[in-house]
Amino acid sequence: MRMDNASLILSTLDAHLSHPFRLVLYGRAALQLGFTAAPPEVAESKDVDATIPLADLETLSSNEGFWDAQEATNNELRPKGLYITHLFRADQVFLRRDWEEHLIPITRLPMRWLRLFRPATLDLVLTKMMRGDDPQDMADIAFMIRHDRVTPDQVESAIADAVNPVRLSIPRAHRIEPGLHQLIRVAPCKIHGAAP
């Protein structure tokens, strides 16, 4: 069976590491590895995105072993067009204030050194709001809402509690709210087979 792109990237990174390392995935790699029955197109994403908790920044910046492993991974996978380059500080990503308290371990991919996690579903929904009403992000939000039966009240609470990075355009994020509210209203009905 062919390995999905996120698994290949992370397995390659793990092979180049020589010490334990925690990585918090978001984006489509988090959907592929952190949920059951992710949409097939998620497996085709060409990269792995990660967010770095602020408490880990100092350790990461001086961790030459990780940066060497990342470079070796990107060099090895360049012919396939795969890479891991997007590592964002937590304060550059739209997340709830207490997001680190809700991390979910990713265990379905056996690793020697990497310890993989993903943010809770509500936090992943918030990260998908950063690009506004991008069709791919909206599809990913719809999948997560259906998968975890997210309610409108839960999303409203997460939005209210979100820390807004300076880089995030408030109007851009709020452009998706009408569509997001429709997704939240319709998605649980699809699970139960009822009419919206």
N, C-alpha and C. Protein backbone atom coordinates (compact mmCIF):
# COMPACT_ATOMS: atom_id res chain seq x y z
N MET A 1 0.84 -1.19 0.00
CA MET A 1 0.00 0.00 0.00
C MET A 1 0.89 1.26 0.00
N ARG A 2 0.54 2.20 -0.85
CA ARG A 2 1.31 3.43 -0.99
C ARG A 2 1.14 4.32 0.24
N MET A 3 2.25 4.87 0.72
CA MET A 3 2.22 5.74 1.89
C MET A 3 1.74 7.13 1.48
N ASP A 4 0.86 7.73 2.28
CA ASP A 4 0.41 9.09 1.99
C ASP A 4 1.58 10.06 2.19
N ASN A 5 1.45 11.25 1.61
CA ASN A 5 2.56 12.21 1.61
C ASN A 5 2.99 12.64 3.01
N ALA A 6 2.03 12.92 3.89
CA ALA A 6 2.39 13.35 5.25
C ALA A 6 3.17 12.26 5.97
N SER A 7 2.74 11.02 5.82
CA SER A 7 3.45 9.90 6.47
C SER A 7 4.86 9.75 5.92
N LEU A 8 5.00 9.91 4.62
CA LEU A 8 6.33 9.80 3.99
C LEU A 8 7.25 10.92 4.49
N ILE A 9 6.75 12.14 4.53
CA ILE A 9 7.57 13.28 4.99
C ILE A 9 8.00 13.07 6.44
N LEU A 10 7.06 12.71 7.28
CA LEU A 10 7.36 12.58 8.71
C LEU A 10 8.22 11.35 9.00
N SER A 11 8.01 10.27 8.28
CA SER A 11 8.87 9.09 8.46
C SER A 11 10.30 9.40 8.03
N THR A 12 10.45 10.17 6.97
CA THR A 12 11.78 10.57 6.51
C THR A 12 12.45 11.47 7.54
N LEU A 13 11.70 12.43 8.06
CA LEU A 13 12.24 13.31 9.11
C LEU A 13 12.66 12.49 10.32
N ASP A 14 11.83 11.56 10.74
CA ASP A 14 12.15 10.72 11.89
C ASP A 14 13.43 9.93 11.66
N ALA A 15 13.63 9.45 10.45
CA ALA A 15 14.84 8.67 10.13
C ALA A 15 16.10 9.52 10.20
N HIS A 16 15.96 10.83 9.98
CA HIS A 16 17.12 11.72 10.04
C HIS A 16 17.38 12.30 11.43
N LEU A 17 16.46 12.08 12.35
CA LEU A 17 16.65 12.56 13.72
C LEU A 17 17.48 11.59 14.54
N SER A 18 18.06 12.09 15.62
CA SER A 18 18.83 11.22 16.52
C SER A 18 18.45 11.46 17.98
N HIS A 19 17.33 12.14 18.20
CA HIS A 19 16.88 12.44 19.55
C HIS A 19 15.37 12.71 19.53
N PRO A 20 14.70 12.56 20.67
CA PRO A 20 13.25 12.80 20.72
C PRO A 20 12.91 14.25 20.38
N PHE A 21 11.78 14.41 19.69
CA PHE A 21 11.35 15.76 19.29
C PHE A 21 9.84 15.79 19.20
N ARG A 22 9.21 16.80 19.81
CA ARG A 22 7.76 16.96 19.76
C ARG A 22 7.40 17.87 18.59
N LEU A 23 6.42 17.43 17.79
CA LEU A 23 5.97 18.21 16.65
C LEU A 23 4.44 18.26 16.67
N VAL A 24 3.90 19.49 16.64
CA VAL A 24 2.45 19.68 16.65
C VAL A 24 2.01 20.01 15.23
N LEU A 25 1.34 19.07 14.59
CA LEU A 25 0.91 19.23 13.21
C LEU A 25 -0.37 20.03 13.12
N TYR A 26 -0.49 20.81 12.07
CA TYR A 26 -1.78 21.36 11.70
C TYR A 26 -1.86 21.33 10.19
N GLY A 27 -2.88 21.90 9.60
CA GLY A 27 -3.04 21.79 8.15
C GLY A 27 -3.50 20.38 7.78
N ARG A 28 -3.29 20.04 6.53
CA ARG A 28 -3.81 18.77 6.03
C ARG A 28 -3.09 17.55 6.59
N ALA A 29 -1.84 17.70 7.03
CA ALA A 29 -1.16 16.57 7.67
C ALA A 29 -1.88 16.19 8.95
N ALA A 30 -2.37 17.18 9.70
CA ALA A 30 -3.12 16.90 10.92
C ALA A 30 -4.43 16.18 10.61
N LEU A 31 -5.06 16.55 9.49
CA LEU A 31 -6.30 15.87 9.10
C LEU A 31 -6.00 14.43 8.68
N GLN A 32 -4.96 14.25 7.88
CA GLN A 32 -4.63 12.92 7.36
C GLN A 32 -4.28 11.95 8.48
N LEU A 33 -3.46 12.41 9.43
CA LEU A 33 -2.95 11.50 10.46
C LEU A 33 -3.72 11.56 11.77
N GLY A 34 -4.50 12.61 11.97
CA GLY A 34 -5.16 12.79 13.25
C GLY A 34 -6.65 12.50 13.27
N PHE A 35 -7.21 12.08 12.13
CA PHE A 35 -8.63 11.75 12.03
C PHE A 35 -8.80 10.43 11.29
N THR A 36 -9.87 9.74 11.56
CA THR A 36 -10.20 8.55 10.78
C THR A 36 -10.97 8.99 9.53
N ALA A 37 -10.79 8.26 8.46
CA ALA A 37 -11.54 8.48 7.22
C ALA A 37 -11.44 9.90 6.69
N ALA A 38 -10.22 10.45 6.67
CA ALA A 38 -10.02 11.78 6.09
C ALA A 38 -10.31 11.72 4.59
N PRO A 39 -10.77 12.81 4.00
CA PRO A 39 -11.03 12.83 2.56
C PRO A 39 -9.77 12.44 1.78
N PRO A 40 -9.90 11.70 0.68
CA PRO A 40 -8.72 11.21 -0.07
C PRO A 40 -7.78 12.32 -0.54
N GLU A 41 -8.31 13.48 -0.88
CA GLU A 41 -7.45 14.56 -1.39
C GLU A 41 -6.50 15.09 -0.32
N VAL A 42 -6.82 14.89 0.93
CA VAL A 42 -5.95 15.33 2.03
C VAL A 42 -4.60 14.62 1.96
N ALA A 43 -4.61 13.36 1.55
CA ALA A 43 -3.38 12.56 1.47
C ALA A 43 -2.41 13.07 0.41
N GLU A 44 -2.90 13.89 -0.51
CA GLU A 44 -2.07 14.38 -1.61
C GLU A 44 -1.35 15.69 -1.31
N SER A 45 -1.59 16.28 -0.14
CA SER A 45 -0.92 17.53 0.22
C SER A 45 0.59 17.33 0.14
N LYS A 46 1.30 18.30 -0.38
CA LYS A 46 2.73 18.17 -0.65
C LYS A 46 3.64 18.57 0.51
N ASP A 47 3.04 19.06 1.61
CA ASP A 47 3.89 19.52 2.71
C ASP A 47 3.29 19.14 4.06
N VAL A 48 4.07 19.39 5.08
CA VAL A 48 3.63 19.23 6.46
C VAL A 48 3.82 20.58 7.15
N ASP A 49 2.75 21.05 7.79
CA ASP A 49 2.80 22.30 8.55
C ASP A 49 2.81 21.95 10.03
N ALA A 50 3.53 22.74 10.81
CA ALA A 50 3.56 22.54 12.25
C ALA A 50 3.54 23.88 12.96
N THR A 51 2.99 23.86 14.16
CA THR A 51 3.04 25.06 15.01
C THR A 51 3.91 24.76 16.21
N ILE A 52 4.69 25.73 16.60
CA ILE A 52 5.66 25.56 17.68
C ILE A 52 5.14 26.27 18.93
N PRO A 53 4.83 25.52 19.98
CA PRO A 53 4.43 26.17 21.24
C PRO A 53 5.50 27.16 21.69
N LEU A 54 5.08 28.28 22.24
CA LEU A 54 6.04 29.32 22.63
C LEU A 54 7.07 28.80 23.63
N ALA A 55 6.67 27.88 24.49
CA ALA A 55 7.61 27.33 25.47
C ALA A 55 8.73 26.52 24.81
N ASP A 56 8.52 26.06 23.57
CA ASP A 56 9.51 25.24 22.87
C ASP A 56 10.45 26.05 21.98
N LEU A 57 10.19 27.36 21.84
CA LEU A 57 10.94 28.16 20.87
C LEU A 57 12.44 28.20 21.13
N GLU A 58 12.81 28.44 22.36
CA GLU A 58 14.24 28.55 22.66
C GLU A 58 14.96 27.23 22.40
N THR A 59 14.35 26.14 22.83
CA THR A 59 14.94 24.81 22.61
C THR A 59 15.06 24.52 21.12
N LEU A 60 14.00 24.84 20.38
CA LEU A 60 14.01 24.57 18.94
C LEU A 60 15.05 25.40 18.21
N SER A 61 15.16 26.68 18.56
CA SER A 61 16.10 27.54 17.82
C SER A 61 17.55 27.08 17.98
N SER A 62 17.87 26.44 19.09
CA SER A 62 19.24 25.97 19.28
C SER A 62 19.41 24.48 18.97
N ASN A 63 18.37 23.86 18.45
CA ASN A 63 18.40 22.42 18.19
C ASN A 63 18.92 22.15 16.77
N GLU A 64 20.23 22.16 16.61
CA GLU A 64 20.81 21.97 15.28
C GLU A 64 20.47 20.61 14.69
N GLY A 65 20.32 19.61 15.55
CA GLY A 65 19.98 18.27 15.07
C GLY A 65 18.65 18.26 14.34
N PHE A 66 17.66 19.01 14.85
CA PHE A 66 16.37 19.07 14.17
C PHE A 66 16.50 19.78 12.83
N TRP A 67 17.18 20.93 12.82
CA TRP A 67 17.30 21.69 11.58
C TRP A 67 18.08 20.92 10.52
N ASP A 68 19.10 20.17 10.94
CA ASP A 68 19.84 19.32 10.00
C ASP A 68 18.93 18.22 9.44
N ALA A 69 18.10 17.63 10.32
CA ALA A 69 17.17 16.58 9.88
C ALA A 69 16.12 17.14 8.93
N GLN A 70 15.65 18.35 9.21
CA GLN A 70 14.68 18.98 8.32
C GLN A 70 15.29 19.22 6.94
N GLU A 71 16.51 19.74 6.91
CA GLU A 71 17.19 20.01 5.64
C GLU A 71 17.43 18.70 4.87
N ALA A 72 17.87 17.66 5.57
CA ALA A 72 18.11 16.37 4.92
C ALA A 72 16.81 15.78 4.37
N THR A 73 15.72 15.96 5.10
CA THR A 73 14.40 15.48 4.65
C THR A 73 13.98 16.19 3.38
N ASN A 74 14.10 17.50 3.39
CA ASN A 74 13.70 18.28 2.20
C ASN A 74 14.57 17.95 1.00
N ASN A 75 15.86 17.74 1.22
CA ASN A 75 16.75 17.36 0.11
C ASN A 75 16.38 15.99 -0.44
N GLU A 76 16.10 15.05 0.45
CA GLU A 76 15.76 13.69 0.01
C GLU A 76 14.43 13.64 -0.75
N LEU A 77 13.46 14.45 -0.31
CA LEU A 77 12.12 14.38 -0.91
C LEU A 77 11.87 15.41 -2.01
N ARG A 78 12.87 16.27 -2.26
CA ARG A 78 12.71 17.29 -3.31
C ARG A 78 12.30 16.71 -4.66
N PRO A 79 12.90 15.58 -5.11
CA PRO A 79 12.47 15.03 -6.40
C PRO A 79 10.98 14.67 -6.47
N LYS A 80 10.37 14.40 -5.33
CA LYS A 80 8.94 14.08 -5.29
C LYS A 80 8.07 15.32 -5.07
N GLY A 81 8.74 16.48 -4.87
CA GLY A 81 7.99 17.72 -4.64
C GLY A 81 7.41 17.81 -3.24
N LEU A 82 7.97 17.07 -2.27
CA LEU A 82 7.47 17.05 -0.90
C LEU A 82 8.44 17.79 0.01
N TYR A 83 7.90 18.40 1.08
CA TYR A 83 8.77 19.18 1.96
C TYR A 83 8.11 19.46 3.31
N ILE A 84 8.93 19.84 4.27
CA ILE A 84 8.47 20.38 5.55
C ILE A 84 9.25 21.67 5.80
N THR A 85 8.58 22.79 5.59
CA THR A 85 9.23 24.08 5.79
C THR A 85 8.39 25.03 6.63
N HIS A 86 7.09 24.82 6.70
CA HIS A 86 6.21 25.77 7.38
C HIS A 86 6.09 25.42 8.86
N LEU A 87 6.96 26.02 9.65
CA LEU A 87 6.95 25.85 11.10
C LEU A 87 6.63 27.22 11.71
N PHE A 88 5.42 27.37 12.21
CA PHE A 88 4.97 28.66 12.69
C PHE A 88 4.95 28.71 14.21
N ARG A 89 5.37 29.84 14.76
CA ARG A 89 5.23 30.06 16.20
C ARG A 89 3.74 30.07 16.52
N ALA A 90 3.39 29.61 17.71
CA ALA A 90 1.98 29.56 18.10
C ALA A 90 1.31 30.93 18.05
N ASP A 91 2.08 32.00 18.28
CA ASP A 91 1.48 33.33 18.24
C ASP A 91 1.33 33.88 16.82
N GLN A 92 1.63 33.05 15.83
CA GLN A 92 1.41 33.42 14.43
C GLN A 92 0.21 32.67 13.83
N VAL A 93 -0.47 31.89 14.68
CA VAL A 93 -1.56 31.04 14.21
C VAL A 93 -2.80 31.34 15.04
N PHE A 94 -3.96 31.28 14.40
CA PHE A 94 -5.24 31.53 15.05
C PHE A 94 -5.60 30.31 15.90
N LEU A 95 -5.49 30.42 17.24
CA LEU A 95 -5.75 29.32 18.18
C LEU A 95 -6.41 29.87 19.44
N ARG A 96 -7.07 28.97 20.20
CA ARG A 96 -7.60 29.39 21.49
C ARG A 96 -6.44 29.63 22.47
N ARG A 97 -6.70 30.42 23.49
CA ARG A 97 -5.67 30.75 24.47
C ARG A 97 -5.08 29.51 25.14
N ASP A 98 -5.92 28.53 25.42
CA ASP A 98 -5.47 27.33 26.14
C ASP A 98 -5.27 26.13 25.22
N TRP A 99 -4.94 26.38 23.96
CA TRP A 99 -4.87 25.31 22.96
C TRP A 99 -3.93 24.18 23.35
N GLU A 100 -2.83 24.50 24.03
CA GLU A 100 -1.86 23.46 24.38
C GLU A 100 -2.42 22.46 25.39
N GLU A 101 -3.42 22.86 26.15
CA GLU A 101 -4.04 21.95 27.12
C GLU A 101 -4.91 20.90 26.45
N HIS A 102 -5.17 21.07 25.17
CA HIS A 102 -6.09 20.19 24.46
C HIS A 102 -5.42 19.41 23.32
N LEU A 103 -4.10 19.33 23.34
CA LEU A 103 -3.39 18.61 22.27
C LEU A 103 -3.79 17.14 22.25
N ILE A 104 -3.86 16.59 21.04
CA ILE A 104 -4.24 15.20 20.85
C ILE A 104 -3.06 14.45 20.25
N PRO A 105 -2.60 13.39 20.92
CA PRO A 105 -1.48 12.61 20.36
C PRO A 105 -1.87 11.93 19.05
N ILE A 106 -0.93 11.88 18.14
CA ILE A 106 -1.11 11.14 16.88
C ILE A 106 -0.24 9.89 17.00
N THR A 107 -0.88 8.74 17.04
CA THR A 107 -0.15 7.49 17.31
C THR A 107 -0.22 6.48 16.18
N ARG A 108 -0.97 6.77 15.14
CA ARG A 108 -1.14 5.76 14.10
C ARG A 108 0.06 5.59 13.17
N LEU A 109 1.02 6.50 13.30
CA LEU A 109 2.24 6.42 12.49
C LEU A 109 3.40 6.11 13.44
N PRO A 110 3.95 4.89 13.38
CA PRO A 110 5.03 4.54 14.31
C PRO A 110 6.30 5.36 14.03
N MET A 111 6.84 5.94 15.09
CA MET A 111 8.02 6.79 14.98
C MET A 111 9.03 6.39 16.05
N ARG A 112 10.30 6.57 15.72
CA ARG A 112 11.33 6.32 16.72
C ARG A 112 11.56 7.55 17.59
N TRP A 113 11.69 8.72 16.96
CA TRP A 113 12.05 9.93 17.68
C TRP A 113 10.94 10.97 17.76
N LEU A 114 10.17 11.08 16.70
CA LEU A 114 9.12 12.10 16.68
C LEU A 114 7.97 11.73 17.60
N ARG A 115 7.49 12.71 18.34
CA ARG A 115 6.27 12.59 19.13
C ARG A 115 5.29 13.55 18.49
N LEU A 116 4.30 13.01 17.80
CA LEU A 116 3.38 13.82 17.00
C LEU A 116 2.09 14.12 17.76
N PHE A 117 1.62 15.35 17.59
CA PHE A 117 0.37 15.80 18.18
C PHE A 117 -0.36 16.64 17.15
N ARG A 118 -1.64 16.84 17.40
CA ARG A 118 -2.41 17.82 16.63
C ARG A 118 -3.23 18.64 17.61
N PRO A 119 -3.55 19.89 17.25
CA PRO A 119 -4.46 20.66 18.09
C PRO A 119 -5.84 20.02 18.12
N ALA A 120 -6.62 20.36 19.13
CA ALA A 120 -8.01 19.90 19.19
C ALA A 120 -8.75 20.38 17.94
N THR A 121 -9.83 19.72 17.62
CA THR A 121 -10.58 20.04 16.40
C THR A 121 -10.99 21.51 16.34
N LEU A 122 -11.46 22.06 17.45
CA LEU A 122 -11.86 23.47 17.43
C LEU A 122 -10.69 24.38 17.07
N ASP A 123 -9.49 24.05 17.55
CA ASP A 123 -8.32 24.85 17.20
C ASP A 123 -7.94 24.67 15.73
N LEU A 124 -8.08 23.47 15.22
CA LEU A 124 -7.81 23.25 13.78
C LEU A 124 -8.80 24.03 12.92
N VAL A 125 -10.06 24.08 13.35
CA VAL A 125 -11.05 24.89 12.62
C VAL A 125 -10.59 26.35 12.60
N LEU A 126 -10.12 26.86 13.74
CA LEU A 126 -9.64 28.24 13.79
C LEU A 126 -8.48 28.46 12.82
N THR A 127 -7.53 27.51 12.77
CA THR A 127 -6.39 27.68 11.86
C THR A 127 -6.84 27.75 10.42
N LYS A 128 -7.91 27.03 10.11
CA LYS A 128 -8.43 27.03 8.73
C LYS A 128 -9.14 28.33 8.39
N MET A 129 -9.42 29.16 9.37
CA MET A 129 -10.06 30.45 9.12
C MET A 129 -9.06 31.51 8.70
N MET A 130 -7.77 31.23 8.83
CA MET A 130 -6.76 32.26 8.59
C MET A 130 -6.70 32.75 7.14
N ARG A 131 -7.08 31.89 6.20
CA ARG A 131 -7.01 32.31 4.79
C ARG A 131 -8.36 32.79 4.26
N GLY A 132 -9.29 33.05 5.17
CA GLY A 132 -10.59 33.52 4.72
C GLY A 132 -11.42 32.39 4.15
N ASP A 133 -12.16 32.66 3.08
CA ASP A 133 -13.08 31.67 2.54
C ASP A 133 -12.46 30.81 1.44
N ASP A 134 -11.23 30.38 1.65
CA ASP A 134 -10.53 29.49 0.73
C ASP A 134 -11.33 28.19 0.58
N PRO A 135 -11.66 27.76 -0.64
CA PRO A 135 -12.50 26.55 -0.82
C PRO A 135 -11.91 25.29 -0.18
N GLN A 136 -10.60 25.11 -0.26
CA GLN A 136 -9.98 23.93 0.35
C GLN A 136 -10.14 23.97 1.86
N ASP A 137 -9.91 25.13 2.45
CA ASP A 137 -10.06 25.25 3.91
C ASP A 137 -11.50 25.05 4.33
N MET A 138 -12.44 25.57 3.56
CA MET A 138 -13.85 25.37 3.88
C MET A 138 -14.23 23.89 3.82
N ALA A 139 -13.69 23.17 2.84
CA ALA A 139 -13.96 21.73 2.75
C ALA A 139 -13.37 21.00 3.95
N ASP A 140 -12.17 21.40 4.36
CA ASP A 140 -11.55 20.78 5.52
C ASP A 140 -12.34 21.07 6.80
N ILE A 141 -12.83 22.30 6.93
CA ILE A 141 -13.67 22.65 8.08
C ILE A 141 -14.93 21.80 8.09
N ALA A 142 -15.56 21.65 6.94
CA ALA A 142 -16.78 20.84 6.85
C ALA A 142 -16.51 19.40 7.29
N PHE A 143 -15.39 18.83 6.85
CA PHE A 143 -15.04 17.47 7.26
C PHE A 143 -14.90 17.38 8.77
N MET A 144 -14.16 18.32 9.38
CA MET A 144 -13.93 18.26 10.83
C MET A 144 -15.23 18.44 11.61
N ILE A 145 -16.10 19.34 11.15
CA ILE A 145 -17.37 19.56 11.82
C ILE A 145 -18.21 18.29 11.80
N ARG A 146 -18.25 17.61 10.64
CA ARG A 146 -19.01 16.36 10.54
C ARG A 146 -18.37 15.27 11.38
N HIS A 147 -17.05 15.15 11.29
CA HIS A 147 -16.33 14.08 11.97
C HIS A 147 -16.52 14.14 13.48
N ASP A 148 -16.39 15.34 14.06
CA ASP A 148 -16.44 15.48 15.51
C ASP A 148 -17.76 16.05 16.02
N ARG A 149 -18.73 16.20 15.10
CA ARG A 149 -20.05 16.69 15.48
C ARG A 149 -19.97 18.01 16.25
N VAL A 150 -19.22 18.93 15.69
CA VAL A 150 -19.02 20.23 16.30
C VAL A 150 -20.32 21.04 16.22
N THR A 151 -20.66 21.71 17.31
CA THR A 151 -21.90 22.49 17.37
C THR A 151 -21.61 23.98 17.14
N PRO A 152 -22.64 24.72 16.75
CA PRO A 152 -22.46 26.17 16.57
C PRO A 152 -21.95 26.86 17.84
N ASP A 153 -22.47 26.45 19.00
CA ASP A 153 -22.02 27.07 20.26
C ASP A 153 -20.54 26.82 20.51
N GLN A 154 -20.06 25.63 20.18
CA GLN A 154 -18.64 25.33 20.37
C GLN A 154 -17.77 26.22 19.48
N VAL A 155 -18.18 26.40 18.23
CA VAL A 155 -17.39 27.24 17.32
C VAL A 155 -17.43 28.69 17.78
N GLU A 156 -18.60 29.18 18.16
CA GLU A 156 -18.71 30.56 18.63
C GLU A 156 -17.82 30.79 19.84
N SER A 157 -17.81 29.83 20.76
CA SER A 157 -16.97 29.95 21.95
C SER A 157 -15.49 29.95 21.59
N ALA A 158 -15.10 29.10 20.64
CA ALA A 158 -13.70 29.05 20.21
C ALA A 158 -13.28 30.35 19.55
N ILE A 159 -14.14 30.90 18.71
CA ILE A 159 -13.83 32.18 18.04
C ILE A 159 -13.67 33.28 19.09
N ALA A 160 -14.56 33.29 20.08
CA ALA A 160 -14.49 34.31 21.13
C ALA A 160 -13.21 34.20 21.95
N ASP A 161 -12.70 32.97 22.10
CA ASP A 161 -11.52 32.73 22.93
C ASP A 161 -10.21 32.75 22.14
N ALA A 162 -10.31 32.92 20.84
CA ALA A 162 -9.11 32.84 20.00
C ALA A 162 -8.19 34.04 20.20
N VAL A 163 -6.90 33.73 20.16
CA VAL A 163 -5.90 34.78 20.16
C VAL A 163 -5.66 35.14 18.70
N ASN A 164 -5.77 36.41 18.39
CA ASN A 164 -5.65 36.85 17.02
C ASN A 164 -4.23 37.32 16.73
N PRO A 165 -3.48 36.55 15.94
CA PRO A 165 -2.13 37.01 15.59
C PRO A 165 -2.18 38.32 14.83
N VAL A 166 -1.15 39.11 14.98
CA VAL A 166 -1.07 40.40 14.28
C VAL A 166 -1.22 40.20 12.79
N ARG A 167 -0.69 39.08 12.25
CA ARG A 167 -0.72 38.86 10.81
C ARG A 167 -2.10 38.53 10.27
N LEU A 168 -3.04 38.14 11.14
CA LEU A 168 -4.36 37.73 10.67
C LEU A 168 -5.24 38.95 10.42
N SER A 169 -5.78 39.03 9.24
CA SER A 169 -6.70 40.11 8.91
C SER A 169 -8.08 39.75 9.44
N ILE A 170 -8.58 40.55 10.37
CA ILE A 170 -9.90 40.28 10.95
C ILE A 170 -10.97 40.23 9.86
N PRO A 171 -11.03 41.20 8.93
CA PRO A 171 -12.07 41.11 7.90
C PRO A 171 -11.95 39.83 7.07
N ARG A 172 -10.74 39.40 6.79
CA ARG A 172 -10.55 38.19 6.00
C ARG A 172 -11.09 36.97 6.74
N ALA A 173 -10.82 36.87 8.03
CA ALA A 173 -11.31 35.74 8.82
C ALA A 173 -12.83 35.78 8.93
N HIS A 174 -13.39 36.96 9.11
CA HIS A 174 -14.84 37.06 9.29
C HIS A 174 -15.61 36.89 7.98
N ARG A 175 -14.93 37.00 6.85
CA ARG A 175 -15.59 36.75 5.56
C ARG A 175 -16.17 35.35 5.50
N ILE A 176 -15.57 34.42 6.21
CA ILE A 176 -16.06 33.05 6.10
C ILE A 176 -17.20 32.75 7.07
N GLU A 177 -17.49 33.66 8.00
CA GLU A 177 -18.47 33.32 9.03
C GLU A 177 -19.83 32.91 8.47
N PRO A 178 -20.42 33.60 7.46
CA PRO A 178 -21.72 33.12 6.97
C PRO A 178 -21.63 31.68 6.44
N GLY A 179 -20.59 31.39 5.67
CA GLY A 179 -20.41 30.02 5.17
C GLY A 179 -20.13 29.04 6.28
N LEU A 180 -19.36 29.47 7.27
CA LEU A 180 -19.04 28.61 8.41
C LEU A 180 -20.31 28.28 9.18
N HIS A 181 -21.15 29.27 9.41
CA HIS A 181 -22.39 29.01 10.13
C HIS A 181 -23.27 28.03 9.36
N GLN A 182 -23.31 28.13 8.05
CA GLN A 182 -24.09 27.19 7.24
C GLN A 182 -23.50 25.78 7.36
N LEU A 183 -22.17 25.67 7.32
CA LEU A 183 -21.53 24.35 7.48
C LEU A 183 -21.88 23.73 8.83
N ILE A 184 -21.82 24.53 9.88
CA ILE A 184 -22.11 24.03 11.22
C ILE A 184 -23.56 23.57 11.31
N ARG A 185 -24.46 24.31 10.68
CA ARG A 185 -25.88 23.99 10.74
C ARG A 185 -26.19 22.71 9.97
N VAL A 186 -25.56 22.53 8.81
CA VAL A 186 -25.88 21.42 7.92
C VAL A 186 -25.11 20.15 8.27
N ALA A 187 -23.85 20.27 8.66
CA ALA A 187 -23.00 19.09 8.85
C ALA A 187 -23.56 18.07 9.84
N PRO A 188 -24.03 18.44 11.04
CA PRO A 188 -24.56 17.42 11.93
C PRO A 188 -25.78 16.71 11.35
N CYS A 189 -26.57 17.42 10.54
CA CYS A 189 -27.73 16.80 9.92
C CYS A 189 -27.31 15.71 8.95
N LYS A 190 -26.20 15.91 8.25
CA LYS A 190 -25.70 14.90 7.33
C LYS A 190 -25.29 13.65 8.07
N ILE A 191 -24.79 13.82 9.29
CA ILE A 191 -24.39 12.67 10.09
C ILE A 191 -25.61 11.85 10.45
N HIS A 192 -26.68 12.53 10.87
CA HIS A 192 -27.85 11.83 11.36
C HIS A 192 -28.86 11.52 10.25
N GLY A 193 -28.62 12.06 9.04
CA GLY A 193 -29.51 11.79 7.92
C GLY A 193 -30.80 12.61 7.94
N ALA A 194 -30.85 13.63 8.77
CA ALA A 194 -32.06 14.46 8.85
C ALA A 194 -31.92 15.63 7.90
N ALA A 195 -33.04 16.27 7.63
CA ALA A 195 -33.01 17.47 6.80
C ALA A 195 -32.52 18.63 7.65
N PRO A 196 -31.75 19.58 7.07
CA PRO A 196 -31.29 20.73 7.84
C PRO A 196 -32.45 21.62 8.25
